[in-house]
Amino acid sequence: MLEFDEQIKSIERLRELLPTEGFTNTFLKVSDRLNDTARKFIEFAPFVVVATKAPEGLIDVSPKGDPAGFVEVYDDKTLIIPDRLGNHRVDGFQNLLEDPNIAVLFVVPGHGDTLRIAGKARIVKDAAISKRHAINGKQPLLALVIEVEEAFMHCSKSFIRSRLWHPDHWPERKSAPTLAEWVMSTVDRDQTLQEVEDDHAADEGTRLY
């Protein structure tokens, strides 16, 4: 079993190590609705990460992307995220049927700050929403409607440290494992790596919308 010098087990000890003094704006910057700054940030975001909680307690984190501004700000308390074609696991949707709590992180390429939103979500099938969010004539079957309870922007330290937006610090693309390699290492199937990669390439080419 992994041993530690200390495991933090109380708020008091946590705050002893990480005090709140000097961080006034950090705690005052939270809003219970979407202001004009949030609306503008969402307009520029082509990528979001959605977090939900499974009944057994596991947290699911799912990336979603579309052209910038694909998340609709319906009003200052409501967001709509169209659901595109995926792998049909629908982990997040299944979680929301049991627990409607949701968190969303908005990312703008090249931008250091992020927008964090939390609230309650519903899975809906609505003709008007589907029509508004059609791309290339393809309408999403379902959508997430989020009632905003908390919104705030997060500083850029993580992007600065990781140098995520600096191409000269990116690894060689082929050096990182692929989804096809993961499949080969976890699924017992009579296919070669190239065949699995070809399947994924075909899926990406025909099932974006």
N, C-alpha and C. Protein backbone atom coordinates (compact mmCIF):
# COMPACT_ATOMS: atom_id res chain seq x y z
N MET A 1 0.85 -1.19 0.00
CA MET A 1 0.00 0.00 0.00
C MET A 1 0.89 1.25 0.00
N LEU A 2 0.51 2.23 -0.79
CA LEU A 2 1.29 3.47 -0.90
C LEU A 2 1.19 4.25 0.41
N GLU A 3 2.33 4.66 0.93
CA GLU A 3 2.38 5.41 2.18
C GLU A 3 2.66 6.88 1.91
N PHE A 4 2.11 7.77 2.77
CA PHE A 4 2.30 9.21 2.63
C PHE A 4 2.77 9.81 3.94
N ASP A 5 3.41 10.95 3.86
CA ASP A 5 3.75 11.67 5.09
C ASP A 5 2.49 12.11 5.81
N GLU A 6 1.50 12.54 5.04
CA GLU A 6 0.26 13.00 5.65
C GLU A 6 -0.87 12.94 4.64
N GLN A 7 -2.06 12.53 5.09
CA GLN A 7 -3.26 12.61 4.27
C GLN A 7 -4.15 13.69 4.88
N ILE A 8 -4.55 14.64 4.07
CA ILE A 8 -5.38 15.75 4.54
C ILE A 8 -6.81 15.26 4.71
N LYS A 9 -7.37 15.42 5.92
CA LYS A 9 -8.69 14.86 6.22
C LYS A 9 -9.70 15.87 6.74
N SER A 10 -9.34 17.13 6.78
CA SER A 10 -10.28 18.12 7.29
C SER A 10 -10.13 19.44 6.54
N ILE A 11 -11.22 20.21 6.51
CA ILE A 11 -11.19 21.55 5.90
C ILE A 11 -10.19 22.43 6.65
N GLU A 12 -10.19 22.27 7.98
CA GLU A 12 -9.31 23.11 8.79
C GLU A 12 -7.84 22.91 8.41
N ARG A 13 -7.42 21.65 8.24
CA ARG A 13 -6.05 21.38 7.87
C ARG A 13 -5.76 21.84 6.45
N LEU A 14 -6.73 21.65 5.56
CA LEU A 14 -6.57 22.09 4.18
C LEU A 14 -6.33 23.59 4.12
N ARG A 15 -7.14 24.34 4.89
CA ARG A 15 -7.02 25.79 4.89
C ARG A 15 -5.80 26.28 5.65
N GLU A 16 -5.30 25.45 6.54
CA GLU A 16 -4.04 25.79 7.20
C GLU A 16 -2.90 25.79 6.18
N LEU A 17 -2.95 24.83 5.27
CA LEU A 17 -1.93 24.72 4.25
C LEU A 17 -2.17 25.67 3.07
N LEU A 18 -3.44 25.87 2.74
CA LEU A 18 -3.82 26.73 1.61
C LEU A 18 -4.81 27.78 2.12
N PRO A 19 -4.32 28.83 2.77
CA PRO A 19 -5.20 29.84 3.36
C PRO A 19 -5.92 30.69 2.32
N THR A 20 -6.99 31.32 2.73
CA THR A 20 -7.80 32.14 1.82
C THR A 20 -7.33 33.59 1.75
N GLU A 21 -6.52 34.01 2.71
CA GLU A 21 -6.07 35.39 2.74
C GLU A 21 -5.34 35.77 1.45
N GLY A 22 -5.70 36.94 0.93
CA GLY A 22 -5.05 37.42 -0.28
C GLY A 22 -5.68 36.95 -1.57
N PHE A 23 -6.76 36.18 -1.47
CA PHE A 23 -7.41 35.64 -2.67
C PHE A 23 -8.88 36.07 -2.73
N THR A 24 -9.14 37.32 -2.37
CA THR A 24 -10.51 37.82 -2.28
C THR A 24 -11.27 37.65 -3.59
N ASN A 25 -10.67 38.04 -4.70
CA ASN A 25 -11.37 37.96 -5.99
C ASN A 25 -11.74 36.52 -6.35
N THR A 26 -10.90 35.57 -5.94
CA THR A 26 -11.15 34.16 -6.24
C THR A 26 -12.50 33.72 -5.71
N PHE A 27 -12.87 34.21 -4.54
CA PHE A 27 -14.10 33.76 -3.90
C PHE A 27 -15.29 34.67 -4.22
N LEU A 28 -15.03 35.86 -4.73
CA LEU A 28 -16.12 36.79 -5.04
C LEU A 28 -16.52 36.78 -6.51
N LYS A 29 -15.73 36.07 -7.36
CA LYS A 29 -15.96 36.15 -8.81
C LYS A 29 -17.04 35.19 -9.31
N VAL A 30 -17.68 34.44 -8.41
CA VAL A 30 -18.68 33.46 -8.81
C VAL A 30 -20.03 34.14 -9.03
N SER A 31 -20.68 33.78 -10.14
CA SER A 31 -22.00 34.31 -10.46
C SER A 31 -23.00 33.17 -10.56
N ASP A 32 -24.27 33.44 -10.29
CA ASP A 32 -25.29 32.41 -10.41
C ASP A 32 -26.00 32.47 -11.75
N ARG A 33 -25.43 33.26 -12.68
CA ARG A 33 -26.04 33.40 -14.01
C ARG A 33 -24.96 33.78 -15.02
N LEU A 34 -25.33 33.81 -16.29
CA LEU A 34 -24.40 34.12 -17.37
C LEU A 34 -24.44 35.61 -17.68
N ASN A 35 -23.33 36.30 -17.41
CA ASN A 35 -23.26 37.72 -17.74
C ASN A 35 -22.74 37.90 -19.17
N ASP A 36 -22.53 39.14 -19.57
CA ASP A 36 -22.09 39.40 -20.95
C ASP A 36 -20.71 38.82 -21.23
N THR A 37 -19.84 38.79 -20.22
CA THR A 37 -18.50 38.23 -20.41
C THR A 37 -18.58 36.73 -20.68
N ALA A 38 -19.42 36.04 -19.92
CA ALA A 38 -19.60 34.60 -20.13
C ALA A 38 -20.19 34.32 -21.51
N ARG A 39 -21.17 35.10 -21.90
CA ARG A 39 -21.79 34.92 -23.22
C ARG A 39 -20.75 35.06 -24.33
N LYS A 40 -19.90 36.07 -24.22
CA LYS A 40 -18.90 36.30 -25.26
C LYS A 40 -17.88 35.18 -25.29
N PHE A 41 -17.49 34.68 -24.12
CA PHE A 41 -16.51 33.58 -24.07
C PHE A 41 -17.10 32.34 -24.73
N ILE A 42 -18.35 32.01 -24.40
CA ILE A 42 -19.02 30.85 -24.98
C ILE A 42 -19.12 30.98 -26.50
N GLU A 43 -19.32 32.18 -26.97
CA GLU A 43 -19.41 32.43 -28.41
C GLU A 43 -18.12 32.03 -29.14
N PHE A 44 -16.98 32.14 -28.46
CA PHE A 44 -15.69 31.83 -29.07
C PHE A 44 -15.23 30.41 -28.81
N ALA A 45 -15.95 29.65 -28.01
CA ALA A 45 -15.49 28.32 -27.59
C ALA A 45 -15.97 27.22 -28.53
N PRO A 46 -15.04 26.47 -29.17
CA PRO A 46 -15.42 25.35 -30.02
C PRO A 46 -15.31 24.01 -29.29
N PHE A 47 -14.93 24.07 -28.01
CA PHE A 47 -14.65 22.83 -27.29
C PHE A 47 -15.05 22.96 -25.82
N VAL A 48 -15.77 21.94 -25.33
CA VAL A 48 -16.15 21.92 -23.92
C VAL A 48 -15.90 20.53 -23.34
N VAL A 49 -15.69 20.48 -22.05
CA VAL A 49 -15.56 19.22 -21.33
C VAL A 49 -16.72 19.14 -20.33
N VAL A 50 -17.46 18.03 -20.39
CA VAL A 50 -18.66 17.88 -19.57
C VAL A 50 -18.43 16.80 -18.51
N ALA A 51 -18.71 17.12 -17.25
CA ALA A 51 -18.52 16.18 -16.15
C ALA A 51 -19.87 15.83 -15.53
N THR A 52 -20.09 14.52 -15.33
CA THR A 52 -21.30 14.02 -14.66
C THR A 52 -20.88 12.95 -13.66
N LYS A 53 -21.81 12.58 -12.80
CA LYS A 53 -21.50 11.61 -11.75
C LYS A 53 -22.37 10.38 -11.87
N ALA A 54 -21.73 9.20 -11.90
CA ALA A 54 -22.45 7.94 -11.99
C ALA A 54 -23.05 7.58 -10.63
N PRO A 55 -24.11 6.74 -10.63
CA PRO A 55 -24.75 6.36 -9.37
C PRO A 55 -23.79 5.73 -8.36
N GLU A 56 -22.81 4.99 -8.87
CA GLU A 56 -21.86 4.34 -7.96
C GLU A 56 -20.75 5.28 -7.50
N GLY A 57 -20.80 6.54 -7.96
CA GLY A 57 -19.87 7.54 -7.48
C GLY A 57 -18.76 7.92 -8.43
N LEU A 58 -18.53 7.13 -9.49
CA LEU A 58 -17.50 7.47 -10.45
C LEU A 58 -17.87 8.73 -11.24
N ILE A 59 -16.87 9.54 -11.54
CA ILE A 59 -17.09 10.75 -12.31
C ILE A 59 -16.75 10.49 -13.77
N ASP A 60 -17.63 10.88 -14.67
CA ASP A 60 -17.40 10.74 -16.10
C ASP A 60 -17.09 12.12 -16.67
N VAL A 61 -16.05 12.19 -17.49
CA VAL A 61 -15.68 13.44 -18.16
C VAL A 61 -15.67 13.20 -19.66
N SER A 62 -16.45 13.99 -20.39
CA SER A 62 -16.62 13.76 -21.82
C SER A 62 -16.33 15.04 -22.61
N PRO A 63 -15.46 14.96 -23.64
CA PRO A 63 -15.20 16.13 -24.48
C PRO A 63 -16.26 16.27 -25.57
N LYS A 64 -16.60 17.51 -25.88
CA LYS A 64 -17.56 17.77 -26.96
C LYS A 64 -17.05 18.97 -27.75
N GLY A 65 -17.14 18.87 -29.09
CA GLY A 65 -16.65 19.95 -29.92
C GLY A 65 -17.47 20.14 -31.18
N ASP A 66 -17.51 21.36 -31.63
CA ASP A 66 -18.23 21.77 -32.84
C ASP A 66 -17.68 23.14 -33.22
N PRO A 67 -18.18 23.75 -34.30
CA PRO A 67 -17.74 25.11 -34.61
C PRO A 67 -17.95 26.05 -33.43
N ALA A 68 -17.08 27.03 -33.29
CA ALA A 68 -17.14 27.96 -32.16
C ALA A 68 -18.55 28.53 -31.98
N GLY A 69 -18.99 28.57 -30.74
CA GLY A 69 -20.32 29.08 -30.43
C GLY A 69 -21.42 28.04 -30.52
N PHE A 70 -21.04 26.74 -30.62
CA PHE A 70 -22.07 25.71 -30.80
C PHE A 70 -22.95 25.53 -29.57
N VAL A 71 -22.47 25.95 -28.39
CA VAL A 71 -23.30 25.89 -27.20
C VAL A 71 -24.17 27.14 -27.19
N GLU A 72 -25.46 26.93 -27.17
CA GLU A 72 -26.41 28.04 -27.24
C GLU A 72 -26.69 28.62 -25.85
N VAL A 73 -26.54 29.94 -25.74
CA VAL A 73 -26.97 30.64 -24.52
C VAL A 73 -28.42 31.06 -24.76
N TYR A 74 -29.34 30.28 -24.20
CA TYR A 74 -30.76 30.56 -24.42
C TYR A 74 -31.19 31.80 -23.63
N ASP A 75 -30.77 31.88 -22.40
CA ASP A 75 -30.96 33.08 -21.58
C ASP A 75 -29.88 33.07 -20.51
N ASP A 76 -29.93 34.00 -19.56
CA ASP A 76 -28.82 34.12 -18.60
C ASP A 76 -28.78 33.00 -17.57
N LYS A 77 -29.73 32.07 -17.62
CA LYS A 77 -29.73 30.92 -16.71
C LYS A 77 -29.76 29.59 -17.44
N THR A 78 -29.72 29.61 -18.79
CA THR A 78 -29.92 28.37 -19.55
C THR A 78 -28.94 28.22 -20.70
N LEU A 79 -28.29 27.04 -20.76
CA LEU A 79 -27.42 26.66 -21.87
C LEU A 79 -28.00 25.46 -22.58
N ILE A 80 -27.77 25.36 -23.88
CA ILE A 80 -28.20 24.19 -24.66
C ILE A 80 -26.99 23.65 -25.42
N ILE A 81 -26.69 22.36 -25.21
CA ILE A 81 -25.58 21.71 -25.90
C ILE A 81 -26.15 20.61 -26.80
N PRO A 82 -26.03 20.75 -28.13
CA PRO A 82 -26.52 19.71 -29.03
C PRO A 82 -25.69 18.45 -28.90
N ASP A 83 -26.33 17.29 -29.03
CA ASP A 83 -25.61 16.02 -28.94
C ASP A 83 -25.34 15.48 -30.33
N ARG A 84 -24.07 15.29 -30.65
CA ARG A 84 -23.70 14.79 -31.97
C ARG A 84 -23.47 13.28 -31.93
N LEU A 85 -23.28 12.70 -33.11
CA LEU A 85 -23.03 11.26 -33.21
C LEU A 85 -21.79 10.88 -32.41
N GLY A 86 -21.89 9.77 -31.67
CA GLY A 86 -20.76 9.33 -30.86
C GLY A 86 -20.65 7.82 -30.87
N ASN A 87 -20.17 7.28 -29.74
CA ASN A 87 -19.94 5.84 -29.67
C ASN A 87 -21.10 5.07 -29.04
N HIS A 88 -22.17 5.78 -28.71
CA HIS A 88 -23.39 5.18 -28.15
C HIS A 88 -23.19 4.62 -26.74
N ARG A 89 -22.09 4.95 -26.08
CA ARG A 89 -21.95 4.57 -24.67
C ARG A 89 -22.91 5.38 -23.81
N VAL A 90 -23.11 6.65 -24.19
CA VAL A 90 -23.98 7.60 -23.48
C VAL A 90 -23.79 7.55 -21.96
N ASP A 91 -22.55 7.45 -21.52
CA ASP A 91 -22.27 7.42 -20.09
C ASP A 91 -22.83 8.65 -19.38
N GLY A 92 -22.56 9.82 -19.95
CA GLY A 92 -23.03 11.04 -19.32
C GLY A 92 -24.54 11.12 -19.25
N PHE A 93 -25.21 10.76 -20.32
CA PHE A 93 -26.67 10.78 -20.32
C PHE A 93 -27.24 9.83 -19.27
N GLN A 94 -26.68 8.63 -19.20
CA GLN A 94 -27.16 7.67 -18.20
C GLN A 94 -26.95 8.22 -16.79
N ASN A 95 -25.82 8.86 -16.57
CA ASN A 95 -25.56 9.45 -15.26
C ASN A 95 -26.60 10.51 -14.90
N LEU A 96 -26.92 11.36 -15.89
CA LEU A 96 -27.85 12.46 -15.64
C LEU A 96 -29.27 11.97 -15.34
N LEU A 97 -29.62 10.81 -15.83
CA LEU A 97 -30.94 10.26 -15.51
C LEU A 97 -31.05 9.91 -14.03
N GLU A 98 -29.91 9.67 -13.40
CA GLU A 98 -29.88 9.35 -11.97
C GLU A 98 -29.54 10.57 -11.12
N ASP A 99 -28.66 11.43 -11.66
CA ASP A 99 -28.18 12.59 -10.91
C ASP A 99 -28.02 13.75 -11.89
N PRO A 100 -28.87 14.78 -11.81
CA PRO A 100 -28.86 15.86 -12.80
C PRO A 100 -27.71 16.85 -12.66
N ASN A 101 -26.88 16.72 -11.64
CA ASN A 101 -25.77 17.66 -11.46
C ASN A 101 -24.75 17.52 -12.59
N ILE A 102 -24.28 18.66 -13.07
CA ILE A 102 -23.37 18.68 -14.22
C ILE A 102 -22.41 19.85 -14.08
N ALA A 103 -21.21 19.68 -14.66
CA ALA A 103 -20.24 20.78 -14.74
C ALA A 103 -19.67 20.81 -16.14
N VAL A 104 -19.42 22.02 -16.64
CA VAL A 104 -18.92 22.19 -18.00
C VAL A 104 -17.74 23.16 -17.98
N LEU A 105 -16.68 22.79 -18.71
CA LEU A 105 -15.51 23.65 -18.84
C LEU A 105 -15.39 24.08 -20.30
N PHE A 106 -15.41 25.39 -20.54
CA PHE A 106 -15.31 25.94 -21.89
C PHE A 106 -13.86 26.31 -22.19
N VAL A 107 -13.37 25.88 -23.36
CA VAL A 107 -11.98 26.14 -23.77
C VAL A 107 -11.97 26.86 -25.11
N VAL A 108 -11.17 27.93 -25.18
CA VAL A 108 -10.96 28.66 -26.43
C VAL A 108 -9.51 28.44 -26.85
N PRO A 109 -9.24 27.89 -28.03
CA PRO A 109 -7.87 27.62 -28.47
C PRO A 109 -6.99 28.88 -28.41
N GLY A 110 -5.80 28.72 -27.84
CA GLY A 110 -4.87 29.83 -27.75
C GLY A 110 -5.13 30.77 -26.60
N HIS A 111 -6.24 30.58 -25.89
CA HIS A 111 -6.64 31.45 -24.79
C HIS A 111 -6.29 30.75 -23.48
N GLY A 112 -5.70 31.48 -22.56
CA GLY A 112 -5.28 30.87 -21.30
C GLY A 112 -6.40 30.64 -20.31
N ASP A 113 -7.38 31.52 -20.28
CA ASP A 113 -8.46 31.41 -19.30
C ASP A 113 -9.51 30.41 -19.76
N THR A 114 -10.26 29.87 -18.80
CA THR A 114 -11.36 28.97 -19.11
C THR A 114 -12.60 29.44 -18.36
N LEU A 115 -13.76 29.00 -18.82
CA LEU A 115 -15.02 29.33 -18.17
C LEU A 115 -15.61 28.06 -17.58
N ARG A 116 -15.91 28.10 -16.29
CA ARG A 116 -16.46 26.93 -15.60
C ARG A 116 -17.91 27.21 -15.23
N ILE A 117 -18.77 26.25 -15.56
CA ILE A 117 -20.20 26.39 -15.27
C ILE A 117 -20.70 25.10 -14.64
N ALA A 118 -21.54 25.22 -13.62
CA ALA A 118 -22.14 24.06 -12.97
C ALA A 118 -23.62 24.31 -12.78
N GLY A 119 -24.39 23.23 -12.77
CA GLY A 119 -25.83 23.36 -12.58
C GLY A 119 -26.53 22.03 -12.69
N LYS A 120 -27.77 22.07 -13.14
CA LYS A 120 -28.59 20.88 -13.31
C LYS A 120 -28.92 20.72 -14.80
N ALA A 121 -28.94 19.46 -15.29
CA ALA A 121 -29.16 19.23 -16.72
C ALA A 121 -30.35 18.31 -16.97
N ARG A 122 -30.97 18.53 -18.12
CA ARG A 122 -32.03 17.65 -18.62
C ARG A 122 -31.66 17.20 -20.03
N ILE A 123 -32.04 15.97 -20.36
CA ILE A 123 -31.85 15.45 -21.72
C ILE A 123 -33.17 15.66 -22.45
N VAL A 124 -33.14 16.37 -23.58
CA VAL A 124 -34.40 16.69 -24.26
C VAL A 124 -34.34 16.29 -25.73
N LYS A 125 -35.51 16.04 -26.26
CA LYS A 125 -35.70 15.82 -27.70
C LYS A 125 -36.71 16.85 -28.15
N ASP A 126 -36.23 17.85 -28.89
CA ASP A 126 -37.06 19.00 -29.23
C ASP A 126 -36.81 19.41 -30.67
N ALA A 127 -37.87 19.49 -31.45
CA ALA A 127 -37.74 19.77 -32.88
C ALA A 127 -37.12 21.15 -33.14
N ALA A 128 -37.53 22.15 -32.37
CA ALA A 128 -37.02 23.50 -32.59
C ALA A 128 -35.53 23.58 -32.27
N ILE A 129 -35.11 22.96 -31.19
CA ILE A 129 -33.69 22.95 -30.84
C ILE A 129 -32.88 22.21 -31.89
N SER A 130 -33.36 21.05 -32.30
CA SER A 130 -32.66 20.27 -33.32
C SER A 130 -32.50 21.06 -34.62
N LYS A 131 -33.53 21.78 -35.00
CA LYS A 131 -33.47 22.56 -36.24
C LYS A 131 -32.45 23.69 -36.12
N ARG A 132 -32.42 24.36 -34.96
CA ARG A 132 -31.48 25.47 -34.76
C ARG A 132 -30.03 25.00 -34.80
N HIS A 133 -29.79 23.76 -34.38
CA HIS A 133 -28.42 23.27 -34.25
C HIS A 133 -28.01 22.31 -35.37
N ALA A 134 -28.73 22.33 -36.46
CA ALA A 134 -28.37 21.47 -37.60
C ALA A 134 -27.07 21.95 -38.23
N ILE A 135 -26.23 21.00 -38.64
CA ILE A 135 -24.99 21.30 -39.38
C ILE A 135 -24.96 20.38 -40.60
N ASN A 136 -24.68 20.98 -41.74
CA ASN A 136 -24.68 20.22 -43.00
C ASN A 136 -25.99 19.49 -43.22
N GLY A 137 -27.08 20.09 -42.78
CA GLY A 137 -28.39 19.49 -42.94
C GLY A 137 -28.70 18.37 -41.96
N LYS A 138 -27.77 18.06 -41.05
CA LYS A 138 -27.96 16.98 -40.07
C LYS A 138 -28.35 17.56 -38.72
N GLN A 139 -29.50 17.18 -38.24
CA GLN A 139 -29.98 17.68 -36.96
C GLN A 139 -29.60 16.73 -35.82
N PRO A 140 -29.21 17.27 -34.67
CA PRO A 140 -28.94 16.41 -33.52
C PRO A 140 -30.26 15.81 -33.01
N LEU A 141 -30.21 14.55 -32.62
CA LEU A 141 -31.41 13.89 -32.11
C LEU A 141 -31.78 14.40 -30.73
N LEU A 142 -30.78 14.62 -29.88
CA LEU A 142 -31.01 15.03 -28.49
C LEU A 142 -30.17 16.25 -28.16
N ALA A 143 -30.45 16.84 -27.02
CA ALA A 143 -29.67 17.98 -26.55
C ALA A 143 -29.67 18.00 -25.03
N LEU A 144 -28.63 18.62 -24.47
CA LEU A 144 -28.58 18.86 -23.03
C LEU A 144 -29.03 20.28 -22.76
N VAL A 145 -29.96 20.44 -21.86
CA VAL A 145 -30.39 21.76 -21.42
C VAL A 145 -29.92 21.93 -19.98
N ILE A 146 -29.07 22.92 -19.75
CA ILE A 146 -28.45 23.10 -18.44
C ILE A 146 -28.99 24.36 -17.77
N GLU A 147 -29.47 24.19 -16.55
CA GLU A 147 -29.88 25.32 -15.72
C GLU A 147 -28.65 25.76 -14.92
N VAL A 148 -28.16 26.95 -15.21
CA VAL A 148 -26.92 27.44 -14.60
C VAL A 148 -27.14 27.82 -13.15
N GLU A 149 -26.28 27.28 -12.28
CA GLU A 149 -26.31 27.63 -10.86
C GLU A 149 -25.03 28.35 -10.43
N GLU A 150 -23.94 28.10 -11.15
CA GLU A 150 -22.66 28.70 -10.80
C GLU A 150 -21.83 28.90 -12.05
N ALA A 151 -21.23 30.07 -12.17
CA ALA A 151 -20.38 30.36 -13.32
C ALA A 151 -19.23 31.24 -12.87
N PHE A 152 -18.03 30.91 -13.33
CA PHE A 152 -16.88 31.78 -13.09
C PHE A 152 -15.75 31.42 -14.04
N MET A 153 -14.87 32.39 -14.27
CA MET A 153 -13.72 32.16 -15.13
C MET A 153 -12.52 31.76 -14.30
N HIS A 154 -11.71 30.85 -14.88
CA HIS A 154 -10.55 30.29 -14.19
C HIS A 154 -9.28 30.86 -14.83
N CYS A 155 -8.26 31.09 -14.01
CA CYS A 155 -7.03 31.71 -14.50
C CYS A 155 -6.26 30.77 -15.43
N SER A 156 -5.22 31.33 -16.04
CA SER A 156 -4.51 30.62 -17.12
C SER A 156 -3.28 29.84 -16.67
N LYS A 157 -3.04 29.71 -15.36
CA LYS A 157 -1.80 29.08 -14.90
C LYS A 157 -1.59 27.68 -15.47
N SER A 158 -2.65 26.88 -15.56
CA SER A 158 -2.50 25.50 -16.04
C SER A 158 -2.04 25.47 -17.50
N PHE A 159 -2.56 26.39 -18.32
CA PHE A 159 -2.14 26.44 -19.71
C PHE A 159 -0.72 26.98 -19.85
N ILE A 160 -0.37 27.91 -18.97
CA ILE A 160 0.99 28.46 -19.01
C ILE A 160 1.99 27.37 -18.62
N ARG A 161 1.70 26.64 -17.55
CA ARG A 161 2.61 25.60 -17.09
C ARG A 161 2.75 24.48 -18.12
N SER A 162 1.62 24.08 -18.69
CA SER A 162 1.64 22.96 -19.65
C SER A 162 2.12 23.37 -21.04
N ARG A 163 2.11 24.70 -21.30
CA ARG A 163 2.47 25.22 -22.63
C ARG A 163 1.62 24.56 -23.70
N LEU A 164 0.37 24.38 -23.38
CA LEU A 164 -0.53 23.66 -24.27
C LEU A 164 -0.68 24.34 -25.63
N TRP A 165 -0.66 25.66 -25.63
CA TRP A 165 -0.88 26.37 -26.89
C TRP A 165 0.43 26.73 -27.60
N HIS A 166 1.55 26.09 -27.20
CA HIS A 166 2.84 26.35 -27.84
C HIS A 166 3.25 25.14 -28.67
N PRO A 167 3.03 25.17 -29.98
CA PRO A 167 3.33 24.02 -30.84
C PRO A 167 4.77 23.51 -30.73
N ASP A 168 5.70 24.40 -30.39
CA ASP A 168 7.09 23.97 -30.31
C ASP A 168 7.33 23.05 -29.11
N HIS A 169 6.34 22.94 -28.22
CA HIS A 169 6.44 22.04 -27.09
C HIS A 169 5.53 20.81 -27.23
N TRP A 170 4.87 20.69 -28.36
CA TRP A 170 4.02 19.52 -28.59
C TRP A 170 4.87 18.30 -28.91
N PRO A 171 4.46 17.11 -28.45
CA PRO A 171 5.19 15.89 -28.80
C PRO A 171 4.90 15.52 -30.26
N GLU A 172 5.73 14.68 -30.81
CA GLU A 172 5.45 14.17 -32.15
C GLU A 172 4.11 13.43 -32.12
N ARG A 173 3.24 13.73 -33.07
CA ARG A 173 1.89 13.17 -33.08
C ARG A 173 1.89 11.65 -32.97
N LYS A 174 2.79 11.00 -33.69
CA LYS A 174 2.79 9.54 -33.73
C LYS A 174 3.43 8.90 -32.49
N SER A 175 3.98 9.72 -31.60
CA SER A 175 4.61 9.17 -30.41
C SER A 175 3.60 8.83 -29.32
N ALA A 176 2.43 9.47 -29.36
CA ALA A 176 1.40 9.20 -28.36
C ALA A 176 0.49 8.07 -28.83
N PRO A 177 0.07 7.17 -27.90
CA PRO A 177 -0.81 6.06 -28.28
C PRO A 177 -2.14 6.55 -28.86
N THR A 178 -2.73 5.74 -29.71
CA THR A 178 -4.00 6.08 -30.34
C THR A 178 -5.13 5.26 -29.76
N LEU A 179 -6.37 5.65 -30.10
CA LEU A 179 -7.54 4.88 -29.68
C LEU A 179 -7.46 3.46 -30.22
N ALA A 180 -6.98 3.32 -31.45
CA ALA A 180 -6.86 1.99 -32.04
C ALA A 180 -5.92 1.10 -31.22
N GLU A 181 -4.84 1.68 -30.74
CA GLU A 181 -3.92 0.91 -29.91
C GLU A 181 -4.57 0.52 -28.59
N TRP A 182 -5.40 1.40 -28.05
CA TRP A 182 -6.13 1.06 -26.82
C TRP A 182 -7.07 -0.11 -27.07
N VAL A 183 -7.78 -0.06 -28.18
CA VAL A 183 -8.70 -1.15 -28.51
C VAL A 183 -7.94 -2.47 -28.62
N MET A 184 -6.81 -2.45 -29.29
CA MET A 184 -6.03 -3.66 -29.46
C MET A 184 -5.55 -4.22 -28.12
N SER A 185 -5.32 -3.34 -27.14
CA SER A 185 -4.78 -3.79 -25.86
C SER A 185 -5.87 -4.22 -24.88
N THR A 186 -7.15 -3.90 -25.18
CA THR A 186 -8.22 -4.19 -24.22
C THR A 186 -9.34 -5.06 -24.76
N VAL A 187 -9.49 -5.12 -26.07
CA VAL A 187 -10.60 -5.85 -26.67
C VAL A 187 -10.08 -7.08 -27.42
N ASP A 188 -10.68 -8.21 -27.13
CA ASP A 188 -10.28 -9.46 -27.81
C ASP A 188 -11.01 -9.53 -29.14
N ARG A 189 -10.34 -9.14 -30.21
CA ARG A 189 -10.97 -9.15 -31.53
C ARG A 189 -9.96 -9.58 -32.58
N ASP A 190 -10.46 -10.20 -33.63
CA ASP A 190 -9.61 -10.75 -34.68
C ASP A 190 -9.38 -9.70 -35.75
N GLN A 191 -8.65 -8.64 -35.40
CA GLN A 191 -8.31 -7.58 -36.33
C GLN A 191 -6.88 -7.15 -36.10
N THR A 192 -6.27 -6.62 -37.14
CA THR A 192 -4.94 -6.05 -36.99
C THR A 192 -5.08 -4.60 -36.56
N LEU A 193 -3.99 -4.02 -36.08
CA LEU A 193 -4.00 -2.61 -35.69
C LEU A 193 -4.40 -1.73 -36.87
N GLN A 194 -3.90 -2.02 -38.06
CA GLN A 194 -4.22 -1.22 -39.23
C GLN A 194 -5.70 -1.30 -39.55
N GLU A 195 -6.30 -2.46 -39.39
CA GLU A 195 -7.73 -2.61 -39.66
C GLU A 195 -8.57 -1.80 -38.68
N VAL A 196 -8.17 -1.80 -37.41
CA VAL A 196 -8.89 -1.00 -36.42
C VAL A 196 -8.74 0.49 -36.73
N GLU A 197 -7.53 0.91 -37.09
CA GLU A 197 -7.30 2.31 -37.45
C GLU A 197 -8.13 2.70 -38.66
N ASP A 198 -8.23 1.81 -39.63
CA ASP A 198 -9.05 2.09 -40.82
C ASP A 198 -10.52 2.23 -40.44
N ASP A 199 -11.00 1.39 -39.52
CA ASP A 199 -12.39 1.49 -39.06
C ASP A 199 -12.64 2.85 -38.42
N HIS A 200 -11.70 3.30 -37.59
CA HIS A 200 -11.87 4.58 -36.92
C HIS A 200 -11.82 5.74 -37.91
N ALA A 201 -10.94 5.64 -38.89
CA ALA A 201 -10.83 6.70 -39.90
C ALA A 201 -12.12 6.79 -40.71
N ALA A 202 -12.70 5.65 -41.04
CA ALA A 202 -13.96 5.64 -41.78
C ALA A 202 -15.09 6.23 -40.96
N ASP A 203 -15.08 5.92 -39.66
CA ASP A 203 -16.11 6.45 -38.77
C ASP A 203 -16.01 7.97 -38.68
N GLU A 204 -14.78 8.47 -38.56
CA GLU A 204 -14.58 9.92 -38.48
C GLU A 204 -15.00 10.60 -39.77
N GLY A 205 -14.83 9.91 -40.87
CA GLY A 205 -15.16 10.50 -42.16
C GLY A 205 -16.64 10.50 -42.49
N THR A 206 -17.41 9.62 -41.85
CA THR A 206 -18.83 9.49 -42.21
C THR A 206 -19.81 9.80 -41.09
N ARG A 207 -19.33 9.91 -39.82
CA ARG A 207 -20.26 10.08 -38.70
C ARG A 207 -19.97 11.30 -37.84
N LEU A 208 -19.46 12.36 -38.47
CA LEU A 208 -19.29 13.59 -37.70
C LEU A 208 -20.63 14.23 -37.43
N TYR A 209 -21.53 14.18 -38.43
CA TYR A 209 -22.87 14.78 -38.27
C TYR A 209 -23.90 13.84 -38.89
